[in-house]
Amino acid sequence: TGGDPYKAYKTRLSMALRLLWPKRQEQRSPFWRPD
């Protein structure tokens, strides 16, 4: 923990999680599958 590599990793991870689980129902992830 700490330092620039950790901050960059944390930022990229949070961006990936936001793409997988969007907040609004009408804004679906490209990976969302109803089944």
PDB file of all heavy atoms in Angstrom:
ATOM      1  N   THR A   1       0.840  -1.200   0.000  1.00  0.00           N
ATOM      2  CA  THR A   1       0.000   0.000   0.000  1.00  0.00           C
ATOM      3  C   THR A   1       0.871   1.244   0.000  1.00  0.00           C
ATOM      4  O   THR A   1       1.990   1.244   0.502  1.00  0.00           O
ATOM      5  CB  THR A   1      -0.918   0.020   1.225  1.00  0.00           C
ATOM      6  OG1 THR A   1      -0.126  -0.034   2.405  1.00  0.00           O
ATOM      7  CG2 THR A   1      -1.875  -1.152   1.206  1.00  0.00           C
ATOM      8  N   GLY A   2       0.328   2.290  -0.587  1.00  0.00           N
ATOM      9  CA  GLY A   2       1.040   3.557  -0.653  1.00  0.00           C
ATOM     10  C   GLY A   2       1.838   3.682  -1.933  1.00  0.00           C
ATOM     11  O   GLY A   2       2.177   2.706  -2.590  1.00  0.00           O
ATOM     12  N   GLY A   3       2.115   4.886  -2.296  1.00  0.00           N
ATOM     13  CA  GLY A   3       2.931   5.132  -3.483  1.00  0.00           C
ATOM     14  C   GLY A   3       2.097   5.236  -4.747  1.00  0.00           C
ATOM     15  O   GLY A   3       0.909   4.929  -4.776  1.00  0.00           O
ATOM     16  N   ASP A   4       2.760   5.661  -5.811  1.00  0.00           N
ATOM     17  CA  ASP A   4       2.080   5.866  -7.090  1.00  0.00           C
ATOM     18  C   ASP A   4       1.599   4.573  -7.745  1.00  0.00           C
ATOM     19  O   ASP A   4       0.495   4.543  -8.286  1.00  0.00           O
ATOM     20  CB  ASP A   4       2.989   6.630  -8.052  1.00  0.00           C
ATOM     21  CG  ASP A   4       3.128   8.094  -7.645  1.00  0.00           C
ATOM     22  OD1 ASP A   4       2.208   8.611  -6.967  1.00  0.00           O
ATOM     23  OD2 ASP A   4       4.151   8.709  -7.999  1.00  0.00           O
ATOM     24  N   PRO A   5       2.375   3.477  -7.729  1.00  0.00           N
ATOM     25  CA  PRO A   5       1.857   2.251  -8.360  1.00  0.00           C
ATOM     26  C   PRO A   5       0.572   1.756  -7.701  1.00  0.00           C
ATOM     27  O   PRO A   5      -0.349   1.307  -8.375  1.00  0.00           O
ATOM     28  CB  PRO A   5       2.985   1.231  -8.186  1.00  0.00           C
ATOM     29  CG  PRO A   5       4.196   2.038  -7.988  1.00  0.00           C
ATOM     30  CD  PRO A   5       3.761   3.299  -7.300  1.00  0.00           C
ATOM     31  N   TYR A   6       0.492   1.873  -6.390  1.00  0.00           N
ATOM     32  CA  TYR A   6      -0.707   1.445  -5.672  1.00  0.00           C
ATOM     33  C   TYR A   6      -1.899   2.320  -6.037  1.00  0.00           C
ATOM     34  O   TYR A   6      -2.993   1.818  -6.278  1.00  0.00           O
ATOM     35  CB  TYR A   6      -0.462   1.492  -4.166  1.00  0.00           C
ATOM     36  CG  TYR A   6      -1.677   1.126  -3.347  1.00  0.00           C
ATOM     37  CD1 TYR A   6      -2.105  -0.194  -3.269  1.00  0.00           C
ATOM     38  CD2 TYR A   6      -2.398   2.091  -2.668  1.00  0.00           C
ATOM     39  CE1 TYR A   6      -3.218  -0.534  -2.540  1.00  0.00           C
ATOM     40  CE2 TYR A   6      -3.507   1.763  -1.929  1.00  0.00           C
ATOM     41  CZ  TYR A   6      -3.917   0.440  -1.865  1.00  0.00           C
ATOM     42  OH  TYR A   6      -5.031   0.107  -1.128  1.00  0.00           O
ATOM     43  N   LYS A   7      -1.701   3.622  -6.126  1.00  0.00           N
ATOM     44  CA  LYS A   7      -2.798   4.532  -6.486  1.00  0.00           C
ATOM     45  C   LYS A   7      -3.281   4.254  -7.907  1.00  0.00           C
ATOM     46  O   LYS A   7      -4.482   4.272  -8.168  1.00  0.00           O
ATOM     47  CB  LYS A   7      -2.348   5.984  -6.354  1.00  0.00           C
ATOM     48  CG  LYS A   7      -2.208   6.434  -4.926  1.00  0.00           C
ATOM     49  CD  LYS A   7      -1.763   7.882  -4.863  1.00  0.00           C
ATOM     50  CE  LYS A   7      -1.515   8.304  -3.431  1.00  0.00           C
ATOM     51  NZ  LYS A   7      -1.001   9.669  -3.339  1.00  0.00           N
ATOM     52  N   ALA A   8      -2.355   3.995  -8.821  1.00  0.00           N
ATOM     53  CA  ALA A   8      -2.738   3.693 -10.202  1.00  0.00           C
ATOM     54  C   ALA A   8      -3.520   2.382 -10.274  1.00  0.00           C
ATOM     55  O   ALA A   8      -4.534   2.286 -10.969  1.00  0.00           O
ATOM     56  CB  ALA A   8      -1.495   3.621 -11.082  1.00  0.00           C
ATOM     57  N   TYR A   9      -3.065   1.379  -9.530  1.00  0.00           N
ATOM     58  CA  TYR A   9      -3.760   0.087  -9.494  1.00  0.00           C
ATOM     59  C   TYR A   9      -5.160   0.255  -8.920  1.00  0.00           C
ATOM     60  O   TYR A   9      -6.134  -0.275  -9.455  1.00  0.00           O
ATOM     61  CB  TYR A   9      -2.948  -0.903  -8.662  1.00  0.00           C
ATOM     62  CG  TYR A   9      -3.665  -2.192  -8.381  1.00  0.00           C
ATOM     63  CD1 TYR A   9      -3.769  -3.171  -9.357  1.00  0.00           C
ATOM     64  CD2 TYR A   9      -4.247  -2.430  -7.142  1.00  0.00           C
ATOM     65  CE1 TYR A   9      -4.431  -4.355  -9.105  1.00  0.00           C
ATOM     66  CE2 TYR A   9      -4.909  -3.607  -6.877  1.00  0.00           C
ATOM     67  CZ  TYR A   9      -5.006  -4.562  -7.859  1.00  0.00           C
ATOM     68  OH  TYR A   9      -5.660  -5.726  -7.612  1.00  0.00           O
ATOM     69  N   LYS A  10      -5.278   0.989  -7.842  1.00  0.00           N
ATOM     70  CA  LYS A  10      -6.560   1.200  -7.184  1.00  0.00           C
ATOM     71  C   LYS A  10      -7.522   1.956  -8.100  1.00  0.00           C
ATOM     72  O   LYS A  10      -8.706   1.628  -8.179  1.00  0.00           O
ATOM     73  CB  LYS A  10      -6.321   1.980  -5.894  1.00  0.00           C
ATOM     74  CG  LYS A  10      -7.497   2.045  -4.984  1.00  0.00           C
ATOM     75  CD  LYS A  10      -7.094   2.684  -3.672  1.00  0.00           C
ATOM     76  CE  LYS A  10      -8.297   2.950  -2.806  1.00  0.00           C
ATOM     77  NZ  LYS A  10      -7.969   3.619  -1.578  1.00  0.00           N
ATOM     78  N   THR A  11      -7.015   2.943  -8.823  1.00  0.00           N
ATOM     79  CA  THR A  11      -7.852   3.710  -9.750  1.00  0.00           C
ATOM     80  C   THR A  11      -8.360   2.825 -10.874  1.00  0.00           C
ATOM     81  O   THR A  11      -9.549   2.843 -11.211  1.00  0.00           O
ATOM     82  CB  THR A  11      -7.057   4.892 -10.324  1.00  0.00           C
ATOM     83  OG1 THR A  11      -6.607   5.708  -9.251  1.00  0.00           O
ATOM     84  CG2 THR A  11      -7.903   5.716 -11.267  1.00  0.00           C
ATOM     85  N   ARG A  12      -7.469   2.026 -11.464  1.00  0.00           N
ATOM     86  CA  ARG A  12      -7.882   1.141 -12.558  1.00  0.00           C
ATOM     87  C   ARG A  12      -8.883   0.102 -12.088  1.00  0.00           C
ATOM     88  O   ARG A  12      -9.825  -0.234 -12.793  1.00  0.00           O
ATOM     89  CB  ARG A  12      -6.668   0.464 -13.190  1.00  0.00           C
ATOM     90  CG  ARG A  12      -5.981   1.388 -14.188  1.00  0.00           C
ATOM     91  CD  ARG A  12      -4.860   0.689 -14.889  1.00  0.00           C
ATOM     92  NE  ARG A  12      -3.642   1.134 -14.224  1.00  0.00           N
ATOM     93  CZ  ARG A  12      -2.603   0.367 -13.933  1.00  0.00           C
ATOM     94  NH1 ARG A  12      -2.588  -0.871 -14.297  1.00  0.00           N
ATOM     95  NH2 ARG A  12      -1.560   0.852 -13.318  1.00  0.00           N
ATOM     96  N   LEU A  13      -8.679  -0.432 -10.887  1.00  0.00           N
ATOM     97  CA  LEU A  13      -9.597  -1.429 -10.350  1.00  0.00           C
ATOM     98  C   LEU A  13     -10.978  -0.826 -10.109  1.00  0.00           C
ATOM     99  O   LEU A  13     -11.995  -1.441 -10.448  1.00  0.00           O
ATOM    100  CB  LEU A  13      -9.034  -2.010  -9.054  1.00  0.00           C
ATOM    101  CG  LEU A  13      -9.856  -3.117  -8.413  1.00  0.00           C
ATOM    102  CD1 LEU A  13      -9.930  -4.314  -9.339  1.00  0.00           C
ATOM    103  CD2 LEU A  13      -9.244  -3.515  -7.095  1.00  0.00           C
ATOM    104  N   SER A  14     -11.036   0.368  -9.561  1.00  0.00           N
ATOM    105  CA  SER A  14     -12.340   0.995  -9.309  1.00  0.00           C
ATOM    106  C   SER A  14     -13.054   1.311 -10.623  1.00  0.00           C
ATOM    107  O   SER A  14     -14.276   1.173 -10.711  1.00  0.00           O
ATOM    108  CB  SER A  14     -12.187   2.244  -8.455  1.00  0.00           C
ATOM    109  OG  SER A  14     -11.513   3.248  -9.144  1.00  0.00           O
ATOM    110  N   MET A  15     -12.317   1.707 -11.656  1.00  0.00           N
ATOM    111  CA  MET A  15     -12.929   1.971 -12.958  1.00  0.00           C
ATOM    112  C   MET A  15     -13.500   0.680 -13.551  1.00  0.00           C
ATOM    113  O   MET A  15     -14.608   0.671 -14.095  1.00  0.00           O
ATOM    114  CB  MET A  15     -11.912   2.591 -13.906  1.00  0.00           C
ATOM    115  CG  MET A  15     -11.587   4.029 -13.558  1.00  0.00           C
ATOM    116  SD  MET A  15     -10.140   4.711 -14.367  1.00  0.00           S
ATOM    117  CE  MET A  15     -10.536   4.535 -16.076  1.00  0.00           C
ATOM    118  N   ALA A  16     -12.769  -0.416 -13.423  1.00  0.00           N
ATOM    119  CA  ALA A  16     -13.246  -1.700 -13.948  1.00  0.00           C
ATOM    120  C   ALA A  16     -14.500  -2.154 -13.206  1.00  0.00           C
ATOM    121  O   ALA A  16     -15.457  -2.642 -13.819  1.00  0.00           O
ATOM    122  CB  ALA A  16     -12.146  -2.748 -13.829  1.00  0.00           C
ATOM    123  N   LEU A  17     -14.534  -1.970 -11.904  1.00  0.00           N
ATOM    124  CA  LEU A  17     -15.709  -2.367 -11.133  1.00  0.00           C
ATOM    125  C   LEU A  17     -16.923  -1.520 -11.484  1.00  0.00           C
ATOM    126  O   LEU A  17     -18.041  -2.022 -11.539  1.00  0.00           O
ATOM    127  CB  LEU A  17     -15.412  -2.284  -9.630  1.00  0.00           C
ATOM    128  CG  LEU A  17     -14.478  -3.359  -9.099  1.00  0.00           C
ATOM    129  CD1 LEU A  17     -14.156  -3.104  -7.639  1.00  0.00           C
ATOM    130  CD2 LEU A  17     -15.079  -4.739  -9.287  1.00  0.00           C
ATOM    131  N   ARG A  18     -16.706  -0.236 -11.719  1.00  0.00           N
ATOM    132  CA  ARG A  18     -17.830   0.625 -12.114  1.00  0.00           C
ATOM    133  C   ARG A  18     -18.373   0.223 -13.472  1.00  0.00           C
ATOM    134  O   ARG A  18     -19.569   0.332 -13.718  1.00  0.00           O
ATOM    135  CB  ARG A  18     -17.399   2.091 -12.135  1.00  0.00           C
ATOM    136  CG  ARG A  18     -17.612   2.741 -10.784  1.00  0.00           C
ATOM    137  CD  ARG A  18     -17.290   4.203 -10.852  1.00  0.00           C
ATOM    138  NE  ARG A  18     -15.867   4.324 -10.508  1.00  0.00           N
ATOM    139  CZ  ARG A  18     -15.033   5.184 -11.016  1.00  0.00           C
ATOM    140  NH1 ARG A  18     -15.437   6.054 -11.891  1.00  0.00           N
ATOM    141  NH2 ARG A  18     -13.775   5.211 -10.642  1.00  0.00           N
ATOM    142  N   LEU A  19     -17.525  -0.249 -14.377  1.00  0.00           N
ATOM    143  CA  LEU A  19     -18.008  -0.705 -15.679  1.00  0.00           C
ATOM    144  C   LEU A  19     -18.818  -1.987 -15.555  1.00  0.00           C
ATOM    145  O   LEU A  19     -19.795  -2.186 -16.265  1.00  0.00           O
ATOM    146  CB  LEU A  19     -16.838  -0.940 -16.636  1.00  0.00           C
ATOM    147  CG  LEU A  19     -16.193   0.301 -17.234  1.00  0.00           C
ATOM    148  CD1 LEU A  19     -14.961  -0.108 -18.020  1.00  0.00           C
ATOM    149  CD2 LEU A  19     -17.172   1.030 -18.110  1.00  0.00           C
ATOM    150  N   LEU A  20     -18.403  -2.873 -14.656  1.00  0.00           N
ATOM    151  CA  LEU A  20     -19.112  -4.141 -14.494  1.00  0.00           C
ATOM    152  C   LEU A  20     -20.437  -3.978 -13.767  1.00  0.00           C
ATOM    153  O   LEU A  20     -21.383  -4.701 -14.029  1.00  0.00           O
ATOM    154  CB  LEU A  20     -18.230  -5.142 -13.741  1.00  0.00           C
ATOM    155  CG  LEU A  20     -17.051  -5.681 -14.534  1.00  0.00           C
ATOM    156  CD1 LEU A  20     -16.166  -6.519 -13.644  1.00  0.00           C
ATOM    157  CD2 LEU A  20     -17.537  -6.498 -15.712  1.00  0.00           C
ATOM    158  N   TRP A  21     -20.493  -3.068 -12.795  1.00  0.00           N
ATOM    159  CA  TRP A  21     -21.701  -2.865 -12.012  1.00  0.00           C
ATOM    160  C   TRP A  21     -22.122  -1.407 -12.058  1.00  0.00           C
ATOM    161  O   TRP A  21     -21.885  -0.656 -11.111  1.00  0.00           O
ATOM    162  CB  TRP A  21     -21.485  -3.298 -10.562  1.00  0.00           C
ATOM    163  CG  TRP A  21     -21.343  -4.768 -10.455  1.00  0.00           C
ATOM    164  CD1 TRP A  21     -22.333  -5.686 -10.502  1.00  0.00           C
ATOM    165  CD2 TRP A  21     -20.124  -5.504 -10.301  1.00  0.00           C
ATOM    166  NE1 TRP A  21     -21.814  -6.947 -10.387  1.00  0.00           N
ATOM    167  CE2 TRP A  21     -20.468  -6.870 -10.260  1.00  0.00           C
ATOM    168  CE3 TRP A  21     -18.787  -5.135 -10.195  1.00  0.00           C
ATOM    169  CZ2 TRP A  21     -19.521  -7.854 -10.121  1.00  0.00           C
ATOM    170  CZ3 TRP A  21     -17.845  -6.126 -10.051  1.00  0.00           C
ATOM    171  CH2 TRP A  21     -18.207  -7.463 -10.014  1.00  0.00           C
ATOM    172  N   PRO A  22     -22.769  -0.988 -13.152  1.00  0.00           N
ATOM    173  CA  PRO A  22     -23.200   0.408 -13.237  1.00  0.00           C
ATOM    174  C   PRO A  22     -24.304   0.708 -12.221  1.00  0.00           C
ATOM    175  O   PRO A  22     -25.036  -0.177 -11.807  1.00  0.00           O
ATOM    176  CB  PRO A  22     -23.705   0.543 -14.665  1.00  0.00           C
ATOM    177  CG  PRO A  22     -23.989  -0.834 -15.118  1.00  0.00           C
ATOM    178  CD  PRO A  22     -23.105  -1.747 -14.336  1.00  0.00           C
ATOM    179  N   LYS A  23     -24.417   1.962 -11.843  1.00  0.00           N
ATOM    180  CA  LYS A  23     -25.374   2.375 -10.815  1.00  0.00           C
ATOM    181  C   LYS A  23     -26.812   2.367 -11.325  1.00  0.00           C
ATOM    182  O   LYS A  23     -27.714   1.941 -10.639  1.00  0.00           O
ATOM    183  CB  LYS A  23     -25.038   3.785 -10.321  1.00  0.00           C
ATOM    184  CG  LYS A  23     -23.666   3.904  -9.732  1.00  0.00           C
ATOM    185  CD  LYS A  23     -23.731   3.703  -8.257  1.00  0.00           C
ATOM    186  CE  LYS A  23     -22.377   3.989  -7.651  1.00  0.00           C
ATOM    187  NZ  LYS A  23     -21.908   3.000  -6.785  1.00  0.00           N
ATOM    188  N   ARG A  24     -27.038   2.888 -12.510  1.00  0.00           N
ATOM    189  CA  ARG A  24     -28.398   3.005 -13.035  1.00  0.00           C
ATOM    190  C   ARG A  24     -28.798   1.767 -13.816  1.00  0.00           C
ATOM    191  O   ARG A  24     -27.981   1.126 -14.466  1.00  0.00           O
ATOM    192  CB  ARG A  24     -28.495   4.230 -13.934  1.00  0.00           C
ATOM    193  CG  ARG A  24     -28.344   5.528 -13.176  1.00  0.00           C
ATOM    194  CD  ARG A  24     -28.518   6.679 -14.125  1.00  0.00           C
ATOM    195  NE  ARG A  24     -27.480   6.617 -15.151  1.00  0.00           N
ATOM    196  CZ  ARG A  24     -26.580   7.565 -15.341  1.00  0.00           C
ATOM    197  NH1 ARG A  24     -26.601   8.639 -14.622  1.00  0.00           N
ATOM    198  NH2 ARG A  24     -25.667   7.436 -16.267  1.00  0.00           N
ATOM    199  N   GLN A  25     -30.082   1.455 -13.754  1.00  0.00           N
ATOM    200  CA  GLN A  25     -30.594   0.267 -14.435  1.00  0.00           C
ATOM    201  C   GLN A  25     -30.504   0.405 -15.956  1.00  0.00           C
ATOM    202  O   GLN A  25     -30.230  -0.558 -16.659  1.00  0.00           O
ATOM    203  CB  GLN A  25     -32.048   0.039 -14.010  1.00  0.00           C
ATOM    204  CG  GLN A  25     -32.611  -1.288 -14.443  1.00  0.00           C
ATOM    205  CD  GLN A  25     -32.001  -2.464 -13.710  1.00  0.00           C
ATOM    206  OE1 GLN A  25     -31.271  -2.302 -12.751  1.00  0.00           O
ATOM    207  NE2 GLN A  25     -32.287  -3.642 -14.189  1.00  0.00           N
ATOM    208  N   GLU A  26     -30.732   1.621 -16.484  1.00  0.00           N
ATOM    209  CA  GLU A  26     -30.716   1.802 -17.941  1.00  0.00           C
ATOM    210  C   GLU A  26     -29.302   1.824 -18.511  1.00  0.00           C
ATOM    211  O   GLU A  26     -29.122   1.721 -19.706  1.00  0.00           O
ATOM    212  CB  GLU A  26     -31.470   3.079 -18.344  1.00  0.00           C
ATOM    213  CG  GLU A  26     -30.805   4.374 -17.906  1.00  0.00           C
ATOM    214  CD  GLU A  26     -31.193   4.836 -16.514  1.00  0.00           C
ATOM    215  OE1 GLU A  26     -31.951   4.136 -15.836  1.00  0.00           O
ATOM    216  OE2 GLU A  26     -30.726   5.906 -16.111  1.00  0.00           O
ATOM    217  N   GLN A  27     -28.305   1.952 -17.676  1.00  0.00           N
ATOM    218  CA  GLN A  27     -26.908   1.970 -18.121  1.00  0.00           C
ATOM    219  C   GLN A  27     -26.288   0.607 -17.836  1.00  0.00           C
ATOM    220  O   GLN A  27     -25.653   0.396 -16.836  1.00  0.00           O
ATOM    221  CB  GLN A  27     -26.153   3.080 -17.384  1.00  0.00           C
ATOM    222  CG  GLN A  27     -24.707   3.202 -17.768  1.00  0.00           C
ATOM    223  CD  GLN A  27     -23.978   4.188 -16.868  1.00  0.00           C
ATOM    224  OE1 GLN A  27     -24.508   4.622 -15.858  1.00  0.00           O
ATOM    225  NE2 GLN A  27     -22.772   4.505 -17.218  1.00  0.00           N
ATOM    226  N   ARG A  28     -26.516  -0.325 -18.704  1.00  0.00           N
ATOM    227  CA  ARG A  28     -26.060  -1.696 -18.496  1.00  0.00           C
ATOM    228  C   ARG A  28     -24.581  -1.856 -18.854  1.00  0.00           C
ATOM    229  O   ARG A  28     -24.061  -1.182 -19.730  1.00  0.00           O
ATOM    230  CB  ARG A  28     -26.863  -2.655 -19.363  1.00  0.00           C
ATOM    231  CG  ARG A  28     -28.309  -2.714 -18.964  1.00  0.00           C
ATOM    232  CD  ARG A  28     -28.573  -4.008 -18.275  1.00  0.00           C
ATOM    233  NE  ARG A  28     -29.995  -4.140 -18.012  1.00  0.00           N
ATOM    234  CZ  ARG A  28     -30.459  -4.353 -16.808  1.00  0.00           C
ATOM    235  NH1 ARG A  28     -29.671  -4.446 -15.792  1.00  0.00           N
ATOM    236  NH2 ARG A  28     -31.745  -4.488 -16.626  1.00  0.00           N
ATOM    237  N   SER A  29     -23.965  -2.787 -18.194  1.00  0.00           N
ATOM    238  CA  SER A  29     -22.594  -3.146 -18.514  1.00  0.00           C
ATOM    239  C   SER A  29     -22.562  -3.889 -19.846  1.00  0.00           C
ATOM    240  O   SER A  29     -23.508  -4.604 -20.183  1.00  0.00           O
ATOM    241  CB  SER A  29     -22.039  -4.042 -17.412  1.00  0.00           C
ATOM    242  OG  SER A  29     -20.858  -4.671 -17.823  1.00  0.00           O
ATOM    243  N   PRO A  30     -21.482  -3.788 -20.604  1.00  0.00           N
ATOM    244  CA  PRO A  30     -21.391  -4.590 -21.841  1.00  0.00           C
ATOM    245  C   PRO A  30     -21.312  -6.082 -21.544  1.00  0.00           C
ATOM    246  O   PRO A  30     -21.536  -6.897 -22.422  1.00  0.00           O
ATOM    247  CB  PRO A  30     -20.109  -4.088 -22.499  1.00  0.00           C
ATOM    248  CG  PRO A  30     -19.351  -3.383 -21.449  1.00  0.00           C
ATOM    249  CD  PRO A  30     -20.342  -2.910 -20.432  1.00  0.00           C
ATOM    250  N   PHE A  31     -21.024  -6.443 -20.303  1.00  0.00           N
ATOM    251  CA  PHE A  31     -20.914  -7.844 -19.913  1.00  0.00           C
ATOM    252  C   PHE A  31     -22.200  -8.378 -19.294  1.00  0.00           C
ATOM    253  O   PHE A  31     -22.262  -9.520 -18.892  1.00  0.00           O
ATOM    254  CB  PHE A  31     -19.764  -8.023 -18.918  1.00  0.00           C
ATOM    255  CG  PHE A  31     -18.456  -7.538 -19.452  1.00  0.00           C
ATOM    256  CD1 PHE A  31     -17.925  -6.349 -19.005  1.00  0.00           C
ATOM    257  CD2 PHE A  31     -17.766  -8.243 -20.415  1.00  0.00           C
ATOM    258  CE1 PHE A  31     -16.727  -5.878 -19.495  1.00  0.00           C
ATOM    259  CE2 PHE A  31     -16.570  -7.786 -20.919  1.00  0.00           C
ATOM    260  CZ  PHE A  31     -16.049  -6.597 -20.459  1.00  0.00           C
ATOM    261  N   TRP A  32     -23.248  -7.540 -19.186  1.00  0.00           N
ATOM    262  CA  TRP A  32     -24.486  -7.951 -18.541  1.00  0.00           C
ATOM    263  C   TRP A  32     -25.230  -8.941 -19.408  1.00  0.00           C
ATOM    264  O   TRP A  32     -25.399  -8.730 -20.612  1.00  0.00           O
ATOM    265  CB  TRP A  32     -25.367  -6.740 -18.273  1.00  0.00           C
ATOM    266  CG  TRP A  32     -26.573  -7.068 -17.460  1.00  0.00           C
ATOM    267  CD1 TRP A  32     -26.630  -7.183 -16.113  1.00  0.00           C
ATOM    268  CD2 TRP A  32     -27.883  -7.341 -17.948  1.00  0.00           C
ATOM    269  NE1 TRP A  32     -27.898  -7.496 -15.721  1.00  0.00           N
ATOM    270  CE2 TRP A  32     -28.688  -7.607 -16.828  1.00  0.00           C
ATOM    271  CE3 TRP A  32     -28.447  -7.380 -19.211  1.00  0.00           C
ATOM    272  CZ2 TRP A  32     -30.027  -7.909 -16.938  1.00  0.00           C
ATOM    273  CZ3 TRP A  32     -29.789  -7.687 -19.314  1.00  0.00           C
ATOM    274  CH2 TRP A  32     -30.563  -7.947 -18.184  1.00  0.00           C
ATOM    275  N   ARG A  33     -25.637 -10.048 -18.794  1.00  0.00           N
ATOM    276  CA  ARG A  33     -26.421 -11.053 -19.501  1.00  0.00           C
ATOM    277  C   ARG A  33     -27.616 -11.416 -18.640  1.00  0.00           C
ATOM    278  O   ARG A  33     -27.453 -11.746 -17.469  1.00  0.00           O
ATOM    279  CB  ARG A  33     -25.587 -12.305 -19.757  1.00  0.00           C
ATOM    280  CG  ARG A  33     -24.434 -12.043 -20.676  1.00  0.00           C
ATOM    281  CD  ARG A  33     -24.117 -13.103 -21.675  1.00  0.00           C
ATOM    282  NE  ARG A  33     -24.925 -14.282 -21.720  1.00  0.00           N
ATOM    283  CZ  ARG A  33     -24.419 -15.490 -21.945  1.00  0.00           C
ATOM    284  NH1 ARG A  33     -23.139 -15.669 -22.078  1.00  0.00           N
ATOM    285  NH2 ARG A  33     -25.225 -16.529 -22.019  1.00  0.00           N
ATOM    286  N   PRO A  34     -28.825 -11.344 -19.200  1.00  0.00           N
ATOM    287  CA  PRO A  34     -30.015 -11.620 -18.393  1.00  0.00           C
ATOM    288  C   PRO A  34     -30.041 -13.043 -17.846  1.00  0.00           C
ATOM    289  O   PRO A  34     -30.499 -13.270 -16.728  1.00  0.00           O
ATOM    290  CB  PRO A  34     -31.178 -11.373 -19.341  1.00  0.00           C
ATOM    291  CG  PRO A  34     -30.611 -11.177 -20.684  1.00  0.00           C
ATOM    292  CD  PRO A  34     -29.156 -10.949 -20.549  1.00  0.00           C
ATOM    293  N   ASP A  35     -29.528 -14.017 -18.602  1.00  0.00           N
ATOM    294  CA  ASP A  35     -29.546 -15.394 -18.112  1.00  0.00           C
ATOM    295  C   ASP A  35     -28.603 -15.560 -16.920  1.00  0.00           C
ATOM    296  O   ASP A  35     -28.918 -16.271 -15.964  1.00  0.00           O
ATOM    297  CB  ASP A  35     -29.205 -16.378 -19.224  1.00  0.00           C
ATOM    298  CG  ASP A  35     -27.879 -16.091 -19.893  1.00  0.00           C
ATOM    299  OD1 ASP A  35     -27.446 -14.918 -19.875  1.00  0.00           O
ATOM    300  OD2 ASP A  35     -27.282 -17.023 -20.458  1.00  0.00           O
TER     301      ASP A  35
END
